[in-house]
Amino acid sequence: MKLLYISDRYALNEYAQPLTFDRYVSMNHGPVLSTTYDLMNGCAIPELQEQWDNCFEQRQNHSIKLRENCDLTTTDMIIQTVDIVWREYSHMSPWSLVEYTHANFEEWTDPKGSSQPIQMHNLLQQLGYDSGEAESIAEGIRSEHPQFNVLNLARLQRTVHEPVLELSPADNRETLRKKILDFANSN
């Protein structure tokens, strides 16, 4: 997960365009690609989860593996970015990457046990773009690639305007996952 975030960050710095077009959040162990995190944990909205499950095997430890029958389109930019990030950071343990992102990525803030959005324009400013450039690039990304923004906005609107999902502290992980998926499917 950290290498994916670092790859997106690198692509933004070099090309003013991310690889994933995902939303970024600060979590306890560093910055995360929000929807990708949900997909890796098997708890994304069903349509996206099905596409993910068709291309990737279940996560084992801190790694995912592409299924042999999955045909993903790549570009030179993606290949170069991933190669550079892999050469630079793959030797680091997961916990070393956590420490590194906490110390070096100023867009990350301690969410104190929760998660906090990392705004695209703030990340771009941390990479050295001035405020106007950062806002212009962020707006261009939002308007050209709204897929995650629309899904998240729709979820937020349903949460604000419709019944709330009721969870119990006694719910185990599988029960929580089922309740969340059932709630998402019913709304």
Protein backbone atom coordinates (compact mmCIF):
# COMPACT_ATOMS: atom_id res chain seq x y z
CA MET A 1 0.00 0.00 0.00
CA LYS A 2 2.79 2.46 0.85
CA LEU A 3 4.58 1.80 -2.43
CA LEU A 4 1.36 2.54 -4.32
CA TYR A 5 0.96 5.84 -2.48
CA ILE A 6 4.63 6.70 -3.08
CA SER A 7 4.17 5.84 -6.78
CA ASP A 8 1.17 8.17 -7.04
CA ARG A 9 3.11 10.89 -5.22
CA TYR A 10 6.11 10.45 -7.51
CA ALA A 11 3.90 10.62 -10.63
CA LEU A 12 2.24 13.80 -9.33
CA ASN A 13 5.66 15.34 -8.77
CA GLU A 14 7.07 14.33 -12.15
CA TYR A 15 4.02 14.46 -14.44
CA ALA A 16 1.37 16.44 -12.51
CA GLN A 17 -0.82 13.33 -12.78
CA PRO A 18 -1.31 10.39 -10.41
CA LEU A 19 -1.32 6.75 -11.46
CA THR A 20 -4.45 5.65 -9.59
CA PHE A 21 -6.73 8.71 -9.36
CA ASP A 22 -7.71 7.42 -5.92
CA ARG A 23 -8.48 9.56 -2.85
CA TYR A 24 -5.72 9.96 -0.28
CA VAL A 25 -6.19 9.72 3.47
CA SER A 26 -3.93 9.91 6.50
CA MET A 27 -4.22 6.79 8.62
CA ASN A 28 -2.30 5.75 11.72
CA HIS A 29 0.42 4.02 9.72
CA GLY A 30 0.79 6.75 7.11
CA PRO A 31 -0.86 7.95 3.92
CA VAL A 32 -3.13 5.51 2.08
CA LEU A 33 -5.03 5.25 -1.21
CA SER A 34 -8.54 5.09 0.26
CA THR A 35 -10.49 3.06 -2.29
CA THR A 36 -7.50 0.82 -3.01
CA TYR A 37 -7.22 0.16 0.74
CA ASP A 38 -10.89 -0.88 0.82
CA LEU A 39 -10.39 -3.09 -2.24
CA MET A 40 -7.34 -4.80 -0.73
CA ASN A 41 -9.35 -5.51 2.41
CA GLY A 42 -12.35 -6.83 0.49
CA CYS A 43 -14.78 -4.15 1.67
CA ALA A 44 -15.23 -1.80 -1.30
CA ILE A 45 -18.52 -1.24 -3.06
CA PRO A 46 -19.53 -4.46 -4.82
CA GLU A 47 -19.02 -3.29 -8.43
CA LEU A 48 -15.44 -2.20 -7.79
CA GLN A 49 -14.70 -5.16 -5.54
CA GLU A 50 -15.75 -7.61 -8.24
CA GLN A 51 -13.44 -5.96 -10.79
CA TRP A 52 -10.58 -6.00 -8.26
CA ASP A 53 -11.15 -9.63 -7.30
CA ASN A 54 -11.07 -10.62 -10.97
CA CYS A 55 -7.58 -9.13 -11.36
CA PHE A 56 -5.89 -9.60 -7.98
CA GLU A 57 -5.46 -12.51 -5.62
CA GLN A 58 -6.29 -12.05 -1.95
CA ARG A 59 -3.74 -10.05 0.01
CA GLN A 60 -1.15 -12.12 1.84
CA ASN A 61 0.86 -10.33 4.53
CA HIS A 62 1.57 -6.96 2.93
CA SER A 63 1.51 -8.06 -0.72
CA ILE A 64 -0.98 -8.52 -3.52
CA LYS A 65 -0.48 -10.56 -6.67
CA LEU A 66 -1.90 -10.01 -10.14
CA ARG A 67 -3.93 -12.93 -11.48
CA GLU A 68 -2.52 -14.48 -14.65
CA ASN A 69 -5.74 -13.97 -16.62
CA CYS A 70 -5.96 -10.25 -15.86
CA ASP A 71 -5.02 -7.90 -18.68
CA LEU A 72 -4.18 -4.47 -17.33
CA THR A 73 -3.30 -1.60 -19.60
CA THR A 74 -0.04 0.09 -18.69
CA THR A 75 1.80 3.08 -20.09
CA ASP A 76 5.46 3.97 -20.19
CA MET A 77 4.79 6.50 -17.44
CA ILE A 78 3.31 3.81 -15.17
CA ILE A 79 6.13 1.36 -15.85
CA GLN A 80 8.86 3.97 -15.32
CA THR A 81 7.26 5.31 -12.14
CA VAL A 82 6.72 1.91 -10.56
CA ASP A 83 10.24 0.84 -11.53
CA ILE A 84 11.82 3.94 -9.97
CA VAL A 85 9.77 3.63 -6.78
CA TRP A 86 10.50 -0.10 -6.53
CA ARG A 87 14.27 0.47 -6.89
CA GLU A 88 14.22 3.27 -4.32
CA TYR A 89 11.93 1.83 -1.63
CA SER A 90 11.41 -1.94 -2.00
CA HIS A 91 14.31 -2.74 0.31
CA MET A 92 12.47 -1.06 3.20
CA SER A 93 10.33 -3.11 5.59
CA PRO A 94 6.66 -2.15 6.02
CA TRP A 95 7.45 -0.49 9.35
CA SER A 96 10.41 1.39 7.88
CA LEU A 97 8.07 2.71 5.19
CA VAL A 98 5.63 3.82 7.89
CA GLU A 99 8.39 5.71 9.70
CA TYR A 100 9.66 7.17 6.42
CA THR A 101 6.24 8.49 5.33
CA HIS A 102 5.57 9.94 8.79
CA ALA A 103 8.90 11.78 8.77
CA ASN A 104 9.08 12.87 5.13
CA PHE A 105 5.58 13.35 3.75
CA GLU A 106 4.29 16.56 5.31
CA GLU A 107 0.81 16.06 3.87
CA TRP A 108 0.35 13.19 6.36
CA THR A 109 -1.17 14.21 9.68
CA ASP A 110 -1.75 11.94 12.66
CA PRO A 111 -5.45 11.01 12.50
CA LYS A 112 -5.40 9.79 16.13
CA GLY A 113 -6.95 6.39 15.46
CA SER A 114 -9.20 7.42 12.59
CA SER A 115 -8.51 8.73 9.10
CA GLN A 116 -8.33 12.23 7.62
CA PRO A 117 -8.55 13.20 3.97
CA ILE A 118 -5.39 14.45 2.28
CA GLN A 119 -6.49 17.16 -0.12
CA MET A 120 -4.91 16.91 -3.56
CA HIS A 121 -3.98 20.59 -3.66
CA ASN A 122 -2.24 20.30 -0.26
CA LEU A 123 -0.23 17.30 -1.47
CA LEU A 124 0.75 19.19 -4.63
CA GLN A 125 1.90 22.16 -2.53
CA GLN A 126 4.04 19.80 -0.44
CA LEU A 127 5.62 18.68 -3.70
CA GLY A 128 6.58 22.28 -4.52
CA TYR A 129 3.75 23.54 -6.71
CA ASP A 130 2.56 27.02 -5.80
CA SER A 131 -1.01 27.44 -4.57
CA GLY A 132 -2.47 28.44 -7.95
CA GLU A 133 -0.73 25.61 -9.82
CA ALA A 134 -1.75 23.10 -7.16
CA GLU A 135 -5.42 24.10 -7.31
CA SER A 136 -5.42 24.11 -11.12
CA ILE A 137 -3.85 20.64 -11.34
CA ALA A 138 -6.15 19.27 -8.62
CA GLU A 139 -9.23 20.64 -10.40
CA GLY A 140 -8.07 19.16 -13.70
CA ILE A 141 -7.63 15.74 -12.09
CA ARG A 142 -11.07 15.93 -10.43
CA SER A 143 -12.81 16.95 -13.65
CA GLU A 144 -11.02 14.44 -15.93
CA HIS A 145 -11.20 11.47 -13.54
CA PRO A 146 -14.29 11.80 -11.35
CA GLN A 147 -14.86 8.06 -10.79
CA PHE A 148 -13.79 7.90 -7.16
CA ASN A 149 -15.07 11.39 -6.35
CA VAL A 150 -18.57 10.61 -7.64
CA LEU A 151 -18.74 7.32 -5.76
CA ASN A 152 -17.58 8.89 -2.52
CA LEU A 153 -19.87 11.89 -2.90
CA ALA A 154 -22.83 9.58 -3.51
CA ARG A 155 -21.93 7.61 -0.37
CA LEU A 156 -21.63 10.80 1.66
CA GLN A 157 -24.97 12.12 0.42
CA ARG A 158 -26.70 8.82 1.27
CA THR A 159 -25.10 8.83 4.71
CA VAL A 160 -26.26 12.38 5.42
CA HIS A 161 -29.77 12.05 4.02
CA GLU A 162 -30.72 8.46 4.72
CA PRO A 163 -30.76 6.05 7.66
CA VAL A 164 -27.50 5.38 9.40
CA LEU A 165 -25.85 1.99 9.43
CA GLU A 166 -26.21 0.55 12.92
CA LEU A 167 -23.14 -1.21 14.28
CA SER A 168 -22.57 -2.88 17.59
CA PRO A 169 -19.28 -3.06 19.51
CA ALA A 170 -19.93 -6.82 19.73
CA ASP A 171 -19.85 -7.22 15.89
CA ASN A 172 -16.89 -9.22 14.65
CA ARG A 173 -15.02 -8.37 11.43
CA GLU A 174 -17.11 -10.64 9.18
CA THR A 175 -20.37 -9.34 10.65
CA LEU A 176 -19.20 -5.75 10.14
CA ARG A 177 -18.21 -6.48 6.54
CA LYS A 178 -21.60 -8.10 5.83
CA LYS A 179 -23.52 -5.21 7.42
CA ILE A 180 -21.53 -2.65 5.44
CA LEU A 181 -21.98 -4.48 2.13
CA ASP A 182 -25.70 -5.07 2.81
CA PHE A 183 -26.12 -1.39 3.68
CA ALA A 184 -24.24 -0.28 0.54
CA ASN A 185 -26.35 -2.58 -1.65
CA SER A 186 -29.63 -1.41 -0.11
CA ASN A 187 -28.90 2.28 -0.66
